[in-house]
């Protein structure tokens, strides 16, 4: 009787295991269908409302727009809108919303998608809205990208998984999971990710119909090689932008400096070689990156009274000596070229540093 009972239990266990496996398989199939359906819905719904891959590729100057804050650390939409409108009036062609410069890494995804939606609804008919929906988690990147296109962004900016790095096969799988949603700019910045997206990977990704191009930070030699292969490139290095555009074949630049002098950066990238203007702007570019971005930009926009002097930690403002040098540079270039109408002398204790918001 014991042997019969044991045999019966074993059969039940095997049967239960088989049922569980079938259930898991059916669940995976349903999830796969749901994911495919989500991508198809996003593509079919938004394709007529957002930019095409070719329109993204033709955009020369894209500003990685600053996200300003109120004293309590919430996003200051009034100040943000004023900055965006200055970009539009200066002829900037596109915005990266919630990028590293815009401190997407310090935002909740709710804030992030809200800001993309806000920008697309108000300004989507005046310039290209490119949402930074990348993540080192493929699941998060897929979800955020689906949401971003659903609320009206024209393209996505995607980085390779950082810190928790993966293999080349994993990088390809990560990007292919998000490329299906719509026009995508792949962002290569090994200084931040500690992993280069090598040319063999990039050329493979470029075969996807939604690959718009690459924001490349590995220098103009890499950009020239890609340009020769027919890949659209934006340099991510402001100090190399002029030569990238006119010597290495880049379509343009995804810029931090254009937050401060949007009209001059438009002129630099769009109106033909201009070494004199390049050399005029280089000291400002060097100043902006004297500490890791976006510290310099945040400091300068506060000095120009375009944003409250509020910093979400871990970012802190430039010290008094650097701030004084920045004021001198703006005076030399001309305040008229900036989004501000004054230069404030902000004391150290007037900056608000937030460890929660």
Protein backbone atom coordinates (compact mmCIF):
# COMPACT_ATOMS: atom_id res chain seq x y z
CA UNK A 1 0.00 0.00 0.00
CA UNK A 2 2.87 2.38 0.80
CA UNK A 3 4.55 1.68 -2.57
CA UNK A 4 1.26 2.28 -4.38
CA UNK A 5 0.74 5.56 -2.51
CA UNK A 6 4.31 6.64 -3.27
CA UNK A 7 3.86 5.84 -6.96
CA UNK A 8 0.60 7.79 -7.03
CA UNK A 9 2.28 10.82 -5.41
CA UNK A 10 5.13 10.67 -7.94
CA UNK A 11 2.66 10.56 -10.81
CA UNK A 12 0.81 13.53 -9.37
CA UNK A 13 4.06 15.45 -8.99
CA UNK A 14 5.08 14.71 -12.58
CA UNK A 15 1.64 15.68 -13.82
CA UNK A 16 1.75 18.90 -11.79
CA UNK A 17 5.21 19.75 -13.12
CA UNK A 18 4.06 19.22 -16.70
CA UNK A 19 1.01 21.40 -16.13
CA UNK A 20 3.23 24.09 -14.59
CA UNK A 21 5.59 23.98 -17.56
CA UNK A 22 2.67 24.25 -19.99
CA UNK A 23 1.28 27.15 -17.96
CA UNK A 24 4.64 28.96 -18.01
CA UNK A 25 4.98 28.36 -21.75
CA UNK A 26 1.46 29.71 -22.41
CA UNK A 27 2.24 32.74 -20.20
CA UNK A 28 5.45 33.46 -22.13
CA UNK A 29 3.55 33.20 -25.41
CA UNK A 30 0.88 35.62 -24.12
CA UNK A 31 3.53 38.07 -22.89
CA UNK A 32 5.33 37.86 -26.24
CA UNK A 33 2.09 38.56 -28.10
CA UNK A 34 1.28 41.43 -25.73
CA UNK A 35 4.73 43.01 -26.20
CA UNK A 36 4.45 42.67 -29.98
CA UNK A 37 0.95 44.15 -29.88
CA UNK A 38 2.15 47.07 -27.77
CA UNK A 39 4.90 47.87 -30.26
CA UNK A 40 2.52 47.55 -33.21
CA UNK A 41 -0.04 49.81 -31.50
CA UNK A 42 2.60 52.39 -30.62
CA UNK A 43 3.99 52.37 -34.14
CA UNK A 44 0.64 52.51 -35.96
CA UNK A 45 -0.86 55.09 -33.60
CA UNK A 46 2.06 57.50 -33.41
CA UNK A 47 3.72 57.15 -36.82
CA UNK A 48 1.45 59.74 -38.40
CA UNK A 49 1.94 62.13 -35.47
CA UNK A 50 5.69 62.03 -34.94
CA UNK A 51 8.81 62.53 -37.02
CA UNK A 52 10.16 59.99 -39.46
CA UNK A 53 13.63 58.51 -39.20
CA UNK A 54 14.75 60.74 -42.09
CA UNK A 55 13.46 63.86 -40.34
CA UNK A 56 15.42 62.98 -37.23
CA UNK A 57 18.54 62.35 -39.33
CA UNK A 58 18.25 65.82 -40.88
CA UNK A 59 18.24 67.61 -37.51
CA UNK A 60 21.57 69.39 -37.12
CA UNK A 61 21.48 71.04 -33.71
CA UNK A 62 19.84 69.16 -30.84
CA UNK A 63 20.01 70.68 -27.37
CA UNK A 64 20.24 68.47 -24.32
CA UNK A 65 17.84 70.73 -22.48
CA UNK A 66 18.25 71.64 -18.81
CA UNK A 67 15.52 70.72 -16.31
CA UNK A 68 15.04 73.62 -13.84
CA UNK A 69 13.58 73.16 -10.36
CA UNK A 70 11.47 75.02 -7.86
CA UNK A 71 12.75 75.55 -4.32
CA UNK A 72 11.08 72.32 -3.20
CA UNK A 73 12.81 70.36 -5.93
CA UNK A 74 9.80 69.88 -8.19
CA UNK A 75 10.20 70.56 -11.90
CA UNK A 76 9.75 74.26 -12.68
CA UNK A 77 7.64 74.05 -15.84
CA UNK A 78 7.42 77.82 -16.22
CA UNK A 79 11.20 78.22 -16.31
CA UNK A 80 11.48 75.11 -18.49
CA UNK A 81 9.05 76.48 -21.06
CA UNK A 82 10.94 79.78 -21.19
CA UNK A 83 14.18 77.89 -21.94
CA UNK A 84 12.50 75.81 -24.65
CA UNK A 85 11.03 78.90 -26.30
CA UNK A 86 14.48 80.51 -26.41
CA UNK A 87 15.74 77.39 -28.17
CA UNK A 88 12.96 77.57 -30.74
CA UNK A 89 13.51 81.27 -31.45
CA UNK A 90 17.23 80.59 -31.96
CA UNK A 91 16.56 77.96 -34.63
CA UNK A 92 17.47 74.84 -32.66
CA UNK A 93 16.10 71.76 -34.40
CA UNK A 94 15.51 69.35 -31.54
CA UNK A 95 15.64 68.69 -27.81
CA UNK A 96 16.82 65.79 -25.71
CA UNK A 97 14.34 65.67 -22.82
CA UNK A 98 15.50 64.11 -19.56
CA UNK A 99 18.99 63.28 -20.75
CA UNK A 100 22.04 63.33 -18.49
CA UNK A 101 22.12 67.11 -18.89
CA UNK A 102 18.42 67.28 -18.03
CA UNK A 103 19.05 64.99 -15.05
CA UNK A 104 16.83 62.15 -16.14
CA UNK A 105 18.92 59.99 -13.83
CA UNK A 106 17.53 61.97 -10.86
CA UNK A 107 13.90 61.79 -11.99
CA UNK A 108 11.22 59.26 -11.25
CA UNK A 109 9.83 57.69 -14.42
CA UNK A 110 6.57 59.54 -13.72
CA UNK A 111 8.43 62.87 -13.83
CA UNK A 112 10.35 61.76 -16.88
CA UNK A 113 7.36 60.76 -18.99
CA UNK A 114 5.40 63.81 -17.77
CA UNK A 115 8.15 66.11 -19.04
CA UNK A 116 8.31 64.33 -22.40
CA UNK A 117 4.52 64.58 -22.74
CA UNK A 118 4.50 68.23 -21.70
CA UNK A 119 7.23 69.12 -24.20
CA UNK A 120 5.68 67.16 -27.05
CA UNK A 121 2.20 68.62 -26.52
CA UNK A 122 3.35 72.24 -26.31
CA UNK A 123 6.28 72.27 -28.74
CA UNK A 124 6.15 69.10 -30.80
CA UNK A 125 5.10 70.96 -33.92
CA UNK A 126 8.08 73.33 -33.70
CA UNK A 127 11.06 71.04 -33.19
CA UNK A 128 11.93 67.37 -32.73
CA UNK A 129 11.26 65.97 -29.25
CA UNK A 130 13.69 63.20 -28.41
CA UNK A 131 13.06 61.47 -25.10
CA UNK A 132 15.87 59.88 -23.17
CA UNK A 133 14.13 56.62 -22.33
CA UNK A 134 17.26 54.54 -21.97
CA UNK A 135 18.12 52.44 -18.95
CA UNK A 136 20.54 49.72 -17.91
CA UNK A 137 17.42 47.61 -17.36
CA UNK A 138 15.96 46.43 -20.66
CA UNK A 139 12.55 46.07 -19.04
CA UNK A 140 12.60 49.72 -17.91
CA UNK A 141 13.89 50.90 -21.30
CA UNK A 142 11.12 49.04 -23.13
CA UNK A 143 8.40 50.34 -20.82
CA UNK A 144 9.62 53.95 -20.86
CA UNK A 145 10.08 53.93 -24.64
CA UNK A 146 6.57 52.61 -25.17
CA UNK A 147 5.22 55.37 -22.92
CA UNK A 148 7.40 58.04 -24.53
CA UNK A 149 6.16 57.34 -28.03
CA UNK A 150 2.60 57.02 -26.76
CA UNK A 151 2.74 60.57 -25.35
CA UNK A 152 4.18 62.04 -28.53
CA UNK A 153 7.97 62.03 -28.59
CA UNK A 154 9.51 61.91 -32.05
CA UNK A 155 12.46 59.69 -31.23
CA UNK A 156 14.18 57.92 -28.37
CA UNK A 157 17.74 58.26 -27.13
CA UNK A 158 19.18 54.99 -25.85
CA UNK A 159 22.37 54.16 -24.01
CA UNK A 160 23.96 50.75 -23.58
CA UNK A 161 23.54 49.09 -20.17
CA UNK A 162 25.94 50.71 -17.72
CA UNK A 163 27.44 49.49 -14.44
CA UNK A 164 25.75 46.10 -14.77
CA UNK A 165 27.45 45.62 -18.14
CA UNK A 166 26.57 42.86 -20.55
CA UNK A 167 28.14 41.03 -23.50
CA UNK A 168 28.09 42.14 -27.13
CA UNK A 169 25.22 39.73 -27.74
CA UNK A 170 23.43 41.24 -24.75
CA UNK A 171 23.97 44.79 -26.04
CA UNK A 172 22.44 43.84 -29.38
CA UNK A 173 19.48 42.18 -27.66
CA UNK A 174 18.97 45.23 -25.44
CA UNK A 175 18.90 47.71 -28.33
CA UNK A 176 16.80 45.49 -30.59
CA UNK A 177 14.18 45.33 -27.83
CA UNK A 178 13.66 49.09 -28.05
CA UNK A 179 14.36 49.83 -31.71
CA UNK A 180 11.04 48.38 -32.81
CA UNK A 181 9.10 51.23 -31.17
CA UNK A 182 10.26 54.08 -33.41
CA UNK A 183 13.16 56.32 -34.50
CA UNK A 184 16.11 55.80 -32.19
CA UNK A 185 19.45 57.52 -31.60
CA UNK A 186 22.02 55.20 -30.04
CA UNK A 187 24.25 56.98 -27.52
CA UNK A 188 27.86 55.89 -27.09
CA UNK A 189 29.65 57.50 -24.14
CA UNK A 190 32.17 55.07 -22.64
CA UNK A 191 33.34 57.73 -20.17
CA UNK A 192 29.99 57.29 -18.41
CA UNK A 193 29.12 53.65 -19.18
CA UNK A 194 32.70 52.24 -19.07
CA UNK A 195 31.81 50.12 -22.12
CA UNK A 196 32.31 51.13 -25.73
CA UNK A 197 29.66 50.31 -28.32
CA UNK A 198 32.19 49.13 -30.86
CA UNK A 199 31.80 49.70 -34.61
CA UNK A 200 30.86 46.07 -35.32
CA UNK A 201 27.92 46.39 -32.91
CA UNK A 202 26.90 49.80 -34.26
CA UNK A 203 26.95 48.64 -37.88
CA UNK A 204 24.76 45.72 -36.91
CA UNK A 205 22.25 48.03 -35.17
CA UNK A 206 22.28 50.36 -38.17
CA UNK A 207 20.55 47.69 -40.23
CA UNK A 208 17.33 48.26 -38.26
CA UNK A 209 14.82 50.49 -40.06
CA UNK A 210 14.34 52.65 -36.94
CA UNK A 211 18.04 53.33 -36.39
CA UNK A 212 18.28 57.09 -36.90
CA UNK A 213 21.96 57.46 -36.03
CA UNK A 214 24.49 57.63 -33.26
CA UNK A 215 25.44 60.24 -30.69
CA UNK A 216 29.14 59.44 -30.63
CA UNK A 217 31.54 60.63 -27.93
CA UNK A 218 34.60 58.66 -29.01
CA UNK A 219 35.99 61.40 -31.22
CA UNK A 220 35.98 62.59 -34.78
CA UNK A 221 38.04 59.73 -36.16
CA UNK A 222 35.26 57.32 -35.18
CA UNK A 223 32.64 59.71 -36.58
CA UNK A 224 34.50 60.01 -39.89
CA UNK A 225 34.65 56.23 -40.22
CA UNK A 226 30.92 55.94 -39.56
CA UNK A 227 30.12 58.76 -41.97
CA UNK A 228 32.10 56.94 -44.66
CA UNK A 229 29.88 53.91 -44.00
CA UNK A 230 26.74 56.01 -44.42
CA UNK A 231 25.79 56.23 -40.74
CA UNK A 232 24.33 59.50 -39.47
CA UNK A 233 26.30 60.86 -36.53
CA UNK A 234 25.98 63.64 -34.01
CA UNK A 235 29.01 64.38 -31.92
CA UNK A 236 28.35 64.49 -28.20
CA UNK A 237 31.40 66.69 -27.63
CA UNK A 238 30.76 70.42 -27.97
CA UNK A 239 34.45 71.28 -28.28
CA UNK A 240 34.74 68.96 -31.31
CA UNK A 241 31.43 69.96 -32.90
CA UNK A 242 32.77 72.36 -35.53
CA UNK A 243 35.35 69.94 -36.87
CA UNK A 244 32.98 66.98 -36.56
CA UNK A 245 30.47 68.81 -38.73
CA UNK A 246 32.77 70.17 -41.41
CA UNK A 247 35.66 67.68 -41.46
CA UNK A 248 34.39 64.35 -40.14
CA UNK A 249 30.97 64.31 -41.83
CA UNK A 250 28.74 64.54 -38.76
CA UNK A 251 25.24 65.87 -39.39
CA UNK A 252 25.60 68.02 -36.28
CA UNK A 253 25.86 67.98 -32.50
CA UNK A 254 23.80 67.08 -29.47
CA UNK A 255 24.86 70.02 -27.38
CA UNK A 256 25.06 71.29 -23.82
CA UNK A 257 26.51 74.67 -24.76
CA UNK A 258 23.45 75.50 -26.86
CA UNK A 259 21.50 75.88 -23.61
CA UNK A 260 23.59 79.02 -23.04
CA UNK A 261 24.19 80.36 -26.56
CA UNK A 262 21.62 78.66 -28.80
CA UNK A 263 21.83 81.15 -31.64
CA UNK A 264 25.62 81.02 -31.83
CA UNK A 265 25.59 77.23 -31.80
CA UNK A 266 23.01 77.25 -34.60
CA UNK A 267 25.32 79.51 -36.58
CA UNK A 268 28.34 77.32 -35.83
CA UNK A 269 26.66 74.12 -37.02
CA UNK A 270 24.48 75.38 -39.86
CA UNK A 271 26.22 78.24 -41.67
CA UNK A 272 29.46 76.70 -42.89
CA UNK A 273 32.97 76.49 -41.43
CA UNK A 274 33.69 79.26 -38.94
CA UNK A 275 36.93 78.68 -37.02
CA UNK A 276 36.74 82.16 -35.50
CA UNK A 277 33.36 81.48 -33.89
CA UNK A 278 34.57 78.05 -32.79
CA UNK A 279 37.54 79.61 -31.03
CA UNK A 280 35.30 82.25 -29.45
CA UNK A 281 33.06 79.58 -27.92
CA UNK A 282 35.76 77.11 -26.84
CA UNK A 283 36.52 78.86 -23.50
CA UNK A 284 32.82 78.72 -22.57
CA UNK A 285 32.66 75.05 -23.54
CA UNK A 286 35.72 74.29 -21.44
CA UNK A 287 34.21 76.21 -18.51
CA UNK A 288 30.93 74.28 -18.72
CA UNK A 289 32.85 71.01 -18.41
CA UNK A 290 35.32 72.10 -15.72
CA UNK A 291 33.35 69.71 -13.48
CA UNK A 292 31.17 66.82 -14.66
CA UNK A 293 28.12 67.89 -16.67
CA UNK A 294 25.50 69.22 -15.77
CA UNK A 295 27.14 71.07 -12.85
CA UNK A 296 28.45 73.94 -14.99
CA UNK A 297 25.22 74.34 -16.93
CA UNK A 298 23.12 74.36 -13.77
CA UNK A 299 25.42 76.98 -12.26
CA UNK A 300 25.36 79.22 -15.33
CA UNK A 301 21.59 79.15 -15.82
CA UNK A 302 21.15 80.13 -12.19
CA UNK A 303 23.62 82.99 -12.71
CA UNK A 304 21.65 84.09 -15.77
CA UNK A 305 18.46 84.06 -13.66
CA UNK A 306 16.93 81.47 -15.99
CA UNK A 307 16.58 78.87 -13.24
CA UNK A 308 16.31 78.98 -9.49
CA UNK A 309 19.66 78.19 -7.78
CA UNK A 310 18.35 74.76 -6.82
CA UNK A 311 20.46 71.62 -7.13
CA UNK A 312 19.30 68.06 -6.68
CA UNK A 313 22.19 66.25 -5.02
CA UNK A 314 24.68 64.86 -5.78
CA UNK A 315 25.21 67.93 -7.99
CA UNK A 316 26.56 71.06 -6.34
CA UNK A 317 27.39 74.45 -7.92
CA UNK A 318 30.74 75.67 -9.15
CA UNK A 319 32.81 77.46 -6.52
CA UNK A 320 33.00 81.26 -6.35
CA UNK A 321 36.17 81.50 -8.45
CA UNK A 322 34.71 79.44 -11.28
CA UNK A 323 31.49 81.42 -11.12
CA UNK A 324 33.44 84.68 -11.46
CA UNK A 325 35.25 83.29 -14.50
CA UNK A 326 31.92 82.23 -16.02
CA UNK A 327 30.55 85.75 -15.61
CA UNK A 328 33.61 87.11 -17.43
CA UNK A 329 33.11 84.69 -20.31
CA UNK A 330 29.46 85.68 -20.75
CA UNK A 331 30.43 89.35 -20.75
CA UNK A 332 33.05 88.67 -23.44
CA UNK A 333 30.65 86.68 -25.64
CA UNK A 334 27.70 89.00 -25.03
CA UNK A 335 24.76 88.58 -22.71
CA UNK A 336 22.47 89.18 -25.68
CA UNK A 337 23.36 85.72 -27.01
CA UNK A 338 22.09 83.97 -23.86
CA UNK A 339 18.56 83.23 -22.60
CA UNK A 340 19.11 85.63 -19.69
CA UNK A 341 19.06 89.39 -19.34
CA UNK A 342 21.38 89.71 -16.35
CA UNK A 343 24.27 88.01 -14.60
CA UNK A 344 23.67 87.41 -10.91
CA UNK A 345 26.40 87.27 -8.31
CA UNK A 346 25.03 84.37 -6.25
CA UNK A 347 26.57 83.76 -2.84
CA UNK A 348 27.37 80.23 -1.72
CA UNK A 349 24.61 80.22 0.88
CA UNK A 350 22.00 81.24 -1.69
CA UNK A 351 22.20 77.91 -3.48
CA UNK A 352 19.68 75.31 -2.36
CA UNK A 353 21.01 71.76 -2.22
CA UNK A 354 18.35 69.07 -1.92
CA UNK A 355 18.84 65.53 -0.72
CA UNK A 356 15.16 64.69 -1.18
CA UNK A 357 12.41 66.06 -3.40
